[in-house]
Amino acid sequence: MTATVKIRPIEQRDQPQWQALWAGYLAFYEVALDAATTRTLWARLFDPASTVHGRVAEDGDGQAIGLCHYILHANTWEIAPVCYLEDLYVQPETRARGVGAALIEYLRERMQVEGWSRIYWMTREDNYRARGLYDRFAKRDAFVRYVVRRTG
């Protein structure tokens, strides 16, 4: 399938398909976000001042079958910006056909062209299928994530 997959910026016309992919991604991670958060993400994807960027994987029929959202940011360990791949999702019926790999390859190409120092991401420990893909691109590091959330 990779020969017919096109990676391109998310466009306003993608909203219904993006919404379905986003809902599938959130369901996979068992997360319920309020509608305002999703609307804000959608707006950030089109705000030139935002550090949040998005791409879709489009099949040969022009249907969005995968998405990725990533954040470019400065960091303290390198001079060049880094890319945090925050969200990567492919429709279940099109998985294992190179769509996820094409999205990651797109980011690797952008890294070379734009001079980012690195791309990093995380996934759940038990997300074995995705980890099989990710292991093709990088070795898992030894960092453990901690999360503190605002209360009230």
N, C-alpha and C. Protein backbone atom coordinates (compact mmCIF):
# COMPACT_ATOMS: atom_id res chain seq x y z
N MET A 1 0.81 -1.19 0.00
CA MET A 1 0.00 0.00 0.00
C MET A 1 0.85 1.27 0.00
N THR A 2 2.07 1.23 0.48
CA THR A 2 2.86 2.45 0.61
C THR A 2 3.00 3.20 -0.71
N ALA A 3 2.95 2.51 -1.83
CA ALA A 3 3.10 3.18 -3.11
C ALA A 3 1.95 4.14 -3.37
N THR A 4 0.77 3.88 -2.82
CA THR A 4 -0.38 4.73 -3.06
C THR A 4 -0.69 5.66 -1.90
N VAL A 5 0.14 5.65 -0.86
CA VAL A 5 -0.09 6.53 0.28
C VAL A 5 0.60 7.86 0.04
N LYS A 6 -0.15 8.92 0.23
CA LYS A 6 0.40 10.27 0.10
C LYS A 6 0.31 10.93 1.48
N ILE A 7 1.43 11.49 1.94
CA ILE A 7 1.44 12.22 3.19
C ILE A 7 1.38 13.69 2.85
N ARG A 8 0.42 14.37 3.45
CA ARG A 8 0.25 15.79 3.13
C ARG A 8 -0.27 16.54 4.36
N PRO A 9 -0.15 17.87 4.34
CA PRO A 9 -0.69 18.66 5.46
C PRO A 9 -2.20 18.46 5.58
N ILE A 10 -2.67 18.52 6.79
CA ILE A 10 -4.11 18.48 7.02
C ILE A 10 -4.72 19.75 6.43
N GLU A 11 -5.84 19.59 5.78
CA GLU A 11 -6.55 20.71 5.18
C GLU A 11 -7.94 20.82 5.81
N GLN A 12 -8.54 21.99 5.70
CA GLN A 12 -9.87 22.21 6.27
C GLN A 12 -10.87 21.17 5.78
N ARG A 13 -10.76 20.78 4.51
CA ARG A 13 -11.70 19.80 3.93
C ARG A 13 -11.61 18.43 4.60
N ASP A 14 -10.52 18.18 5.34
CA ASP A 14 -10.31 16.89 5.99
C ASP A 14 -11.06 16.75 7.31
N GLN A 15 -11.73 17.81 7.75
CA GLN A 15 -12.29 17.81 9.10
C GLN A 15 -13.15 16.58 9.41
N PRO A 16 -14.08 16.15 8.57
CA PRO A 16 -14.89 14.97 8.93
C PRO A 16 -14.04 13.69 9.05
N GLN A 17 -13.14 13.48 8.12
CA GLN A 17 -12.29 12.28 8.18
C GLN A 17 -11.30 12.37 9.34
N TRP A 18 -10.73 13.56 9.54
CA TRP A 18 -9.82 13.77 10.67
C TRP A 18 -10.55 13.50 11.98
N GLN A 19 -11.76 14.00 12.08
CA GLN A 19 -12.55 13.82 13.31
C GLN A 19 -12.75 12.33 13.60
N ALA A 20 -13.04 11.55 12.57
CA ALA A 20 -13.22 10.10 12.75
C ALA A 20 -11.91 9.44 13.17
N LEU A 21 -10.80 9.82 12.55
CA LEU A 21 -9.50 9.26 12.93
C LEU A 21 -9.14 9.66 14.35
N TRP A 22 -9.35 10.91 14.70
CA TRP A 22 -9.06 11.41 16.05
C TRP A 22 -9.90 10.67 17.08
N ALA A 23 -11.17 10.45 16.79
CA ALA A 23 -12.04 9.71 17.71
C ALA A 23 -11.53 8.28 17.88
N GLY A 24 -11.08 7.65 16.81
CA GLY A 24 -10.52 6.31 16.91
C GLY A 24 -9.26 6.28 17.75
N TYR A 25 -8.41 7.27 17.58
CA TYR A 25 -7.18 7.38 18.37
C TYR A 25 -7.49 7.52 19.86
N LEU A 26 -8.42 8.42 20.17
CA LEU A 26 -8.79 8.62 21.57
C LEU A 26 -9.43 7.37 22.16
N ALA A 27 -10.24 6.68 21.38
CA ALA A 27 -10.86 5.44 21.87
C ALA A 27 -9.80 4.38 22.13
N PHE A 28 -8.81 4.28 21.27
CA PHE A 28 -7.73 3.31 21.47
C PHE A 28 -7.04 3.54 22.81
N TYR A 29 -6.78 4.80 23.12
CA TYR A 29 -6.11 5.13 24.38
C TYR A 29 -7.08 5.31 25.55
N GLU A 30 -8.35 5.05 25.28
CA GLU A 30 -9.39 5.13 26.32
C GLU A 30 -9.40 6.49 26.99
N VAL A 31 -9.40 7.54 26.15
CA VAL A 31 -9.38 8.92 26.61
C VAL A 31 -10.65 9.61 26.11
N ALA A 32 -11.28 10.35 26.98
CA ALA A 32 -12.43 11.15 26.59
C ALA A 32 -12.06 12.62 26.78
N LEU A 33 -11.95 13.34 25.68
CA LEU A 33 -11.67 14.77 25.75
C LEU A 33 -12.94 15.56 25.52
N ASP A 34 -13.02 16.72 26.14
CA ASP A 34 -14.20 17.54 25.87
C ASP A 34 -14.09 18.13 24.48
N ALA A 35 -15.22 18.53 23.94
CA ALA A 35 -15.28 19.04 22.57
C ALA A 35 -14.41 20.28 22.39
N ALA A 36 -14.27 21.10 23.43
CA ALA A 36 -13.46 22.32 23.34
C ALA A 36 -11.99 21.98 23.08
N THR A 37 -11.50 20.91 23.67
CA THR A 37 -10.11 20.51 23.46
C THR A 37 -9.89 20.09 22.01
N THR A 38 -10.81 19.32 21.48
CA THR A 38 -10.70 18.89 20.08
C THR A 38 -10.81 20.09 19.14
N ARG A 39 -11.72 21.00 19.41
CA ARG A 39 -11.84 22.20 18.58
C ARG A 39 -10.56 23.04 18.63
N THR A 40 -9.97 23.13 19.82
CA THR A 40 -8.73 23.90 19.97
C THR A 40 -7.60 23.24 19.20
N LEU A 41 -7.49 21.92 19.27
CA LEU A 41 -6.46 21.22 18.49
C LEU A 41 -6.66 21.50 17.02
N TRP A 42 -7.89 21.37 16.53
CA TRP A 42 -8.16 21.61 15.12
C TRP A 42 -7.73 23.03 14.73
N ALA A 43 -8.04 24.02 15.56
CA ALA A 43 -7.65 25.41 15.27
C ALA A 43 -6.13 25.56 15.28
N ARG A 44 -5.45 24.92 16.21
CA ARG A 44 -3.98 25.02 16.28
C ARG A 44 -3.32 24.45 15.02
N LEU A 45 -3.92 23.43 14.44
CA LEU A 45 -3.34 22.82 13.25
C LEU A 45 -3.28 23.79 12.07
N PHE A 46 -4.07 24.87 12.13
CA PHE A 46 -4.12 25.85 11.04
C PHE A 46 -3.58 27.21 11.44
N ASP A 47 -3.11 27.34 12.65
CA ASP A 47 -2.57 28.60 13.15
C ASP A 47 -1.08 28.67 12.82
N PRO A 48 -0.66 29.61 11.97
CA PRO A 48 0.75 29.68 11.60
C PRO A 48 1.69 29.92 12.79
N ALA A 49 1.17 30.48 13.88
CA ALA A 49 2.00 30.74 15.05
C ALA A 49 2.09 29.53 15.98
N SER A 50 1.31 28.51 15.73
CA SER A 50 1.29 27.33 16.59
C SER A 50 2.50 26.43 16.32
N THR A 51 2.95 25.77 17.37
CA THR A 51 4.02 24.77 17.23
C THR A 51 3.46 23.39 16.93
N VAL A 52 2.13 23.27 16.92
CA VAL A 52 1.47 22.00 16.64
C VAL A 52 1.22 21.90 15.14
N HIS A 53 1.62 20.77 14.57
CA HIS A 53 1.46 20.54 13.13
C HIS A 53 0.76 19.20 12.92
N GLY A 54 0.14 19.06 11.77
CA GLY A 54 -0.55 17.81 11.49
C GLY A 54 -0.41 17.39 10.04
N ARG A 55 -0.41 16.10 9.85
CA ARG A 55 -0.37 15.51 8.52
C ARG A 55 -1.39 14.38 8.46
N VAL A 56 -1.87 14.11 7.27
CA VAL A 56 -2.71 12.94 7.05
C VAL A 56 -2.04 12.05 6.03
N ALA A 57 -2.34 10.78 6.15
CA ALA A 57 -1.97 9.80 5.14
C ALA A 57 -3.22 9.58 4.31
N GLU A 58 -3.08 9.76 3.02
CA GLU A 58 -4.21 9.67 2.10
C GLU A 58 -4.00 8.47 1.19
N ASP A 59 -5.06 7.69 1.01
CA ASP A 59 -4.94 6.54 0.11
C ASP A 59 -5.14 6.97 -1.34
N GLY A 60 -5.07 6.03 -2.24
CA GLY A 60 -5.20 6.31 -3.67
C GLY A 60 -6.53 6.91 -4.07
N ASP A 61 -7.55 6.72 -3.22
CA ASP A 61 -8.87 7.28 -3.50
C ASP A 61 -9.08 8.65 -2.86
N GLY A 62 -8.02 9.18 -2.23
CA GLY A 62 -8.13 10.50 -1.61
C GLY A 62 -8.74 10.49 -0.22
N GLN A 63 -8.84 9.32 0.38
CA GLN A 63 -9.40 9.21 1.73
C GLN A 63 -8.29 9.29 2.77
N ALA A 64 -8.53 10.06 3.83
CA ALA A 64 -7.57 10.14 4.94
C ALA A 64 -7.68 8.85 5.74
N ILE A 65 -6.58 8.10 5.80
CA ILE A 65 -6.58 6.80 6.49
C ILE A 65 -5.64 6.77 7.69
N GLY A 66 -4.93 7.86 7.90
CA GLY A 66 -4.02 7.95 9.04
C GLY A 66 -3.70 9.40 9.33
N LEU A 67 -3.22 9.65 10.53
CA LEU A 67 -2.86 11.02 10.90
C LEU A 67 -1.65 11.01 11.81
N CYS A 68 -0.98 12.13 11.84
CA CYS A 68 0.02 12.37 12.87
C CYS A 68 -0.03 13.84 13.24
N HIS A 69 0.16 14.09 14.52
CA HIS A 69 0.30 15.44 15.05
C HIS A 69 1.67 15.50 15.69
N TYR A 70 2.37 16.58 15.46
CA TYR A 70 3.70 16.70 16.04
C TYR A 70 3.95 18.14 16.46
N ILE A 71 4.86 18.28 17.40
CA ILE A 71 5.19 19.58 17.98
C ILE A 71 6.68 19.82 17.79
N LEU A 72 7.02 20.95 17.21
CA LEU A 72 8.42 21.35 17.09
C LEU A 72 8.72 22.30 18.23
N HIS A 73 9.82 22.03 18.93
CA HIS A 73 10.16 22.89 20.07
C HIS A 73 11.66 22.96 20.31
N ALA A 74 12.05 24.04 20.96
CA ALA A 74 13.43 24.20 21.40
C ALA A 74 13.67 23.23 22.55
N ASN A 75 14.93 22.98 22.83
CA ASN A 75 15.26 22.10 23.95
C ASN A 75 16.59 22.51 24.54
N THR A 76 16.92 21.94 25.67
CA THR A 76 18.13 22.35 26.38
C THR A 76 19.36 21.54 26.02
N TRP A 77 19.22 20.47 25.28
CA TRP A 77 20.34 19.57 24.98
C TRP A 77 20.92 19.75 23.59
N GLU A 78 20.22 20.48 22.74
CA GLU A 78 20.68 20.69 21.37
C GLU A 78 20.34 22.09 20.93
N ILE A 79 21.02 22.57 19.90
CA ILE A 79 20.73 23.89 19.36
C ILE A 79 19.52 23.83 18.43
N ALA A 80 19.48 22.81 17.60
CA ALA A 80 18.38 22.68 16.62
C ALA A 80 17.10 22.24 17.33
N PRO A 81 15.95 22.60 16.77
CA PRO A 81 14.70 22.16 17.36
C PRO A 81 14.54 20.64 17.31
N VAL A 82 13.67 20.15 18.18
CA VAL A 82 13.33 18.73 18.18
C VAL A 82 11.86 18.59 17.83
N CYS A 83 11.52 17.41 17.38
CA CYS A 83 10.14 17.10 16.98
C CYS A 83 9.58 16.05 17.92
N TYR A 84 8.50 16.38 18.59
CA TYR A 84 7.78 15.42 19.42
C TYR A 84 6.59 14.92 18.62
N LEU A 85 6.62 13.65 18.24
CA LEU A 85 5.51 13.02 17.54
C LEU A 85 4.49 12.64 18.61
N GLU A 86 3.48 13.48 18.78
CA GLU A 86 2.54 13.27 19.89
C GLU A 86 1.47 12.25 19.56
N ASP A 87 0.95 12.29 18.37
CA ASP A 87 -0.15 11.39 18.00
C ASP A 87 0.14 10.75 16.65
N LEU A 88 -0.03 9.45 16.58
CA LEU A 88 0.09 8.71 15.32
C LEU A 88 -1.03 7.69 15.32
N TYR A 89 -1.85 7.71 14.29
CA TYR A 89 -2.99 6.78 14.24
C TYR A 89 -3.26 6.40 12.79
N VAL A 90 -3.55 5.12 12.61
CA VAL A 90 -3.92 4.59 11.30
C VAL A 90 -5.21 3.79 11.49
N GLN A 91 -6.14 3.95 10.56
CA GLN A 91 -7.39 3.19 10.62
C GLN A 91 -7.06 1.71 10.80
N PRO A 92 -7.80 1.02 11.67
CA PRO A 92 -7.51 -0.40 11.90
C PRO A 92 -7.50 -1.25 10.63
N GLU A 93 -8.40 -0.99 9.71
CA GLU A 93 -8.48 -1.83 8.51
C GLU A 93 -7.34 -1.58 7.52
N THR A 94 -6.55 -0.53 7.73
CA THR A 94 -5.43 -0.26 6.83
C THR A 94 -4.07 -0.41 7.52
N ARG A 95 -4.06 -0.98 8.70
CA ARG A 95 -2.80 -1.17 9.42
C ARG A 95 -1.98 -2.29 8.79
N ALA A 96 -0.69 -2.27 9.10
CA ALA A 96 0.27 -3.28 8.61
C ALA A 96 0.42 -3.21 7.10
N ARG A 97 0.19 -2.04 6.53
CA ARG A 97 0.35 -1.85 5.09
C ARG A 97 1.30 -0.70 4.77
N GLY A 98 2.04 -0.25 5.79
CA GLY A 98 3.04 0.78 5.57
C GLY A 98 2.58 2.21 5.80
N VAL A 99 1.35 2.41 6.26
CA VAL A 99 0.84 3.77 6.44
C VAL A 99 1.55 4.45 7.61
N GLY A 100 1.63 3.77 8.74
CA GLY A 100 2.34 4.34 9.89
C GLY A 100 3.80 4.59 9.58
N ALA A 101 4.42 3.67 8.88
CA ALA A 101 5.83 3.84 8.49
C ALA A 101 5.97 5.05 7.57
N ALA A 102 5.03 5.25 6.67
CA ALA A 102 5.10 6.39 5.75
C ALA A 102 5.00 7.71 6.52
N LEU A 103 4.17 7.75 7.55
CA LEU A 103 4.06 8.97 8.37
C LEU A 103 5.38 9.24 9.10
N ILE A 104 5.99 8.22 9.66
CA ILE A 104 7.27 8.41 10.35
C ILE A 104 8.36 8.78 9.34
N GLU A 105 8.37 8.15 8.19
CA GLU A 105 9.36 8.49 7.17
C GLU A 105 9.21 9.93 6.72
N TYR A 106 7.98 10.39 6.62
CA TYR A 106 7.76 11.79 6.26
C TYR A 106 8.46 12.69 7.27
N LEU A 107 8.29 12.40 8.57
CA LEU A 107 8.93 13.23 9.59
C LEU A 107 10.45 13.12 9.52
N ARG A 108 10.96 11.94 9.24
CA ARG A 108 12.42 11.79 9.10
C ARG A 108 12.94 12.63 7.94
N GLU A 109 12.21 12.68 6.85
CA GLU A 109 12.61 13.52 5.72
C GLU A 109 12.58 15.00 6.10
N ARG A 110 11.52 15.42 6.80
CA ARG A 110 11.42 16.82 7.24
C ARG A 110 12.57 17.16 8.18
N MET A 111 12.95 16.21 9.03
CA MET A 111 14.06 16.42 9.96
C MET A 111 15.32 16.77 9.17
N GLN A 112 15.59 16.04 8.10
CA GLN A 112 16.78 16.29 7.30
C GLN A 112 16.69 17.65 6.60
N VAL A 113 15.55 17.93 6.01
CA VAL A 113 15.37 19.17 5.24
C VAL A 113 15.39 20.39 6.15
N GLU A 114 14.70 20.30 7.30
CA GLU A 114 14.53 21.47 8.17
C GLU A 114 15.59 21.54 9.27
N GLY A 115 16.42 20.51 9.41
CA GLY A 115 17.51 20.56 10.36
C GLY A 115 17.14 20.30 11.81
N TRP A 116 16.06 19.56 12.04
CA TRP A 116 15.74 19.19 13.43
C TRP A 116 16.84 18.27 13.94
N SER A 117 17.07 18.28 15.23
CA SER A 117 18.11 17.41 15.78
C SER A 117 17.61 15.99 16.02
N ARG A 118 16.33 15.84 16.30
CA ARG A 118 15.81 14.50 16.56
C ARG A 118 14.29 14.51 16.55
N ILE A 119 13.74 13.32 16.47
CA ILE A 119 12.30 13.07 16.61
C ILE A 119 12.16 12.08 17.76
N TYR A 120 11.19 12.31 18.60
CA TYR A 120 10.94 11.35 19.68
C TYR A 120 9.44 11.19 19.88
N TRP A 121 9.09 10.05 20.47
CA TRP A 121 7.68 9.76 20.74
C TRP A 121 7.61 8.72 21.84
N MET A 122 6.41 8.48 22.31
CA MET A 122 6.19 7.43 23.30
C MET A 122 4.88 6.73 22.98
N THR A 123 4.75 5.56 23.55
CA THR A 123 3.52 4.80 23.42
C THR A 123 3.33 3.99 24.68
N ARG A 124 2.17 3.41 24.80
CA ARG A 124 1.93 2.55 25.96
C ARG A 124 2.82 1.33 25.88
N GLU A 125 3.22 0.86 27.03
CA GLU A 125 4.07 -0.33 27.15
C GLU A 125 3.45 -1.53 26.42
N ASP A 126 2.12 -1.66 26.51
CA ASP A 126 1.45 -2.83 25.94
C ASP A 126 0.97 -2.63 24.49
N ASN A 127 1.40 -1.57 23.86
CA ASN A 127 1.01 -1.32 22.47
C ASN A 127 2.01 -2.05 21.55
N TYR A 128 1.98 -3.36 21.61
CA TYR A 128 2.98 -4.19 20.94
C TYR A 128 2.99 -4.04 19.43
N ARG A 129 1.82 -3.90 18.84
CA ARG A 129 1.77 -3.78 17.39
C ARG A 129 2.49 -2.52 16.93
N ALA A 130 2.19 -1.41 17.57
CA ALA A 130 2.87 -0.16 17.20
C ALA A 130 4.35 -0.23 17.55
N ARG A 131 4.67 -0.84 18.65
CA ARG A 131 6.08 -0.94 19.04
C ARG A 131 6.88 -1.76 18.02
N GLY A 132 6.24 -2.72 17.38
CA GLY A 132 6.91 -3.46 16.33
C GLY A 132 7.33 -2.54 15.19
N LEU A 133 6.47 -1.60 14.86
CA LEU A 133 6.81 -0.59 13.85
C LEU A 133 7.90 0.33 14.37
N TYR A 134 7.72 0.85 15.57
CA TYR A 134 8.66 1.83 16.11
C TYR A 134 10.06 1.25 16.25
N ASP A 135 10.15 -0.02 16.58
CA ASP A 135 11.46 -0.67 16.75
C ASP A 135 12.25 -0.69 15.43
N ARG A 136 11.56 -0.53 14.31
CA ARG A 136 12.25 -0.47 13.02
C ARG A 136 12.96 0.86 12.83
N PHE A 137 12.53 1.89 13.56
CA PHE A 137 13.06 3.23 13.39
C PHE A 137 14.05 3.65 14.48
N ALA A 138 13.87 3.13 15.67
CA ALA A 138 14.70 3.58 16.79
C ALA A 138 14.69 2.54 17.90
N LYS A 139 15.70 2.62 18.74
CA LYS A 139 15.72 1.77 19.93
C LYS A 139 15.00 2.50 21.06
N ARG A 140 14.29 1.75 21.82
CA ARG A 140 13.62 2.29 23.00
C ARG A 140 14.69 2.77 23.97
N ASP A 141 14.45 3.93 24.59
CA ASP A 141 15.43 4.42 25.55
C ASP A 141 15.02 4.01 26.97
N ALA A 142 15.79 4.41 27.94
CA ALA A 142 15.59 3.95 29.31
C ALA A 142 14.83 4.95 30.17
N PHE A 143 14.26 5.99 29.57
CA PHE A 143 13.56 6.98 30.36
C PHE A 143 12.18 6.49 30.79
N VAL A 144 11.77 6.94 31.96
CA VAL A 144 10.46 6.64 32.53
C VAL A 144 9.71 7.96 32.61
N ARG A 145 8.48 7.95 32.20
CA ARG A 145 7.68 9.18 32.17
C ARG A 145 6.92 9.37 33.47
N TYR A 146 6.89 10.61 33.95
CA TYR A 146 6.08 11.00 35.10
C TYR A 146 5.15 12.11 34.64
N VAL A 147 3.94 12.12 35.16
CA VAL A 147 2.96 13.12 34.78
C VAL A 147 2.34 13.72 36.04
N VAL A 148 2.37 15.01 36.14
CA VAL A 148 1.69 15.74 37.22
C VAL A 148 0.60 16.57 36.56
N ARG A 149 -0.61 16.39 36.99
CA ARG A 149 -1.73 17.14 36.41
C ARG A 149 -2.21 18.21 37.37
N ARG A 150 -2.68 19.29 36.80
CA ARG A 150 -3.27 20.36 37.59
C ARG A 150 -4.57 19.86 38.22
N THR A 151 -4.82 20.22 39.41
CA THR A 151 -6.06 19.85 40.07
C THR A 151 -6.94 21.09 40.18
N GLY A 152 -8.23 20.83 40.18
CA GLY A 152 -9.19 21.91 40.40
C GLY A 152 -9.50 22.74 39.25
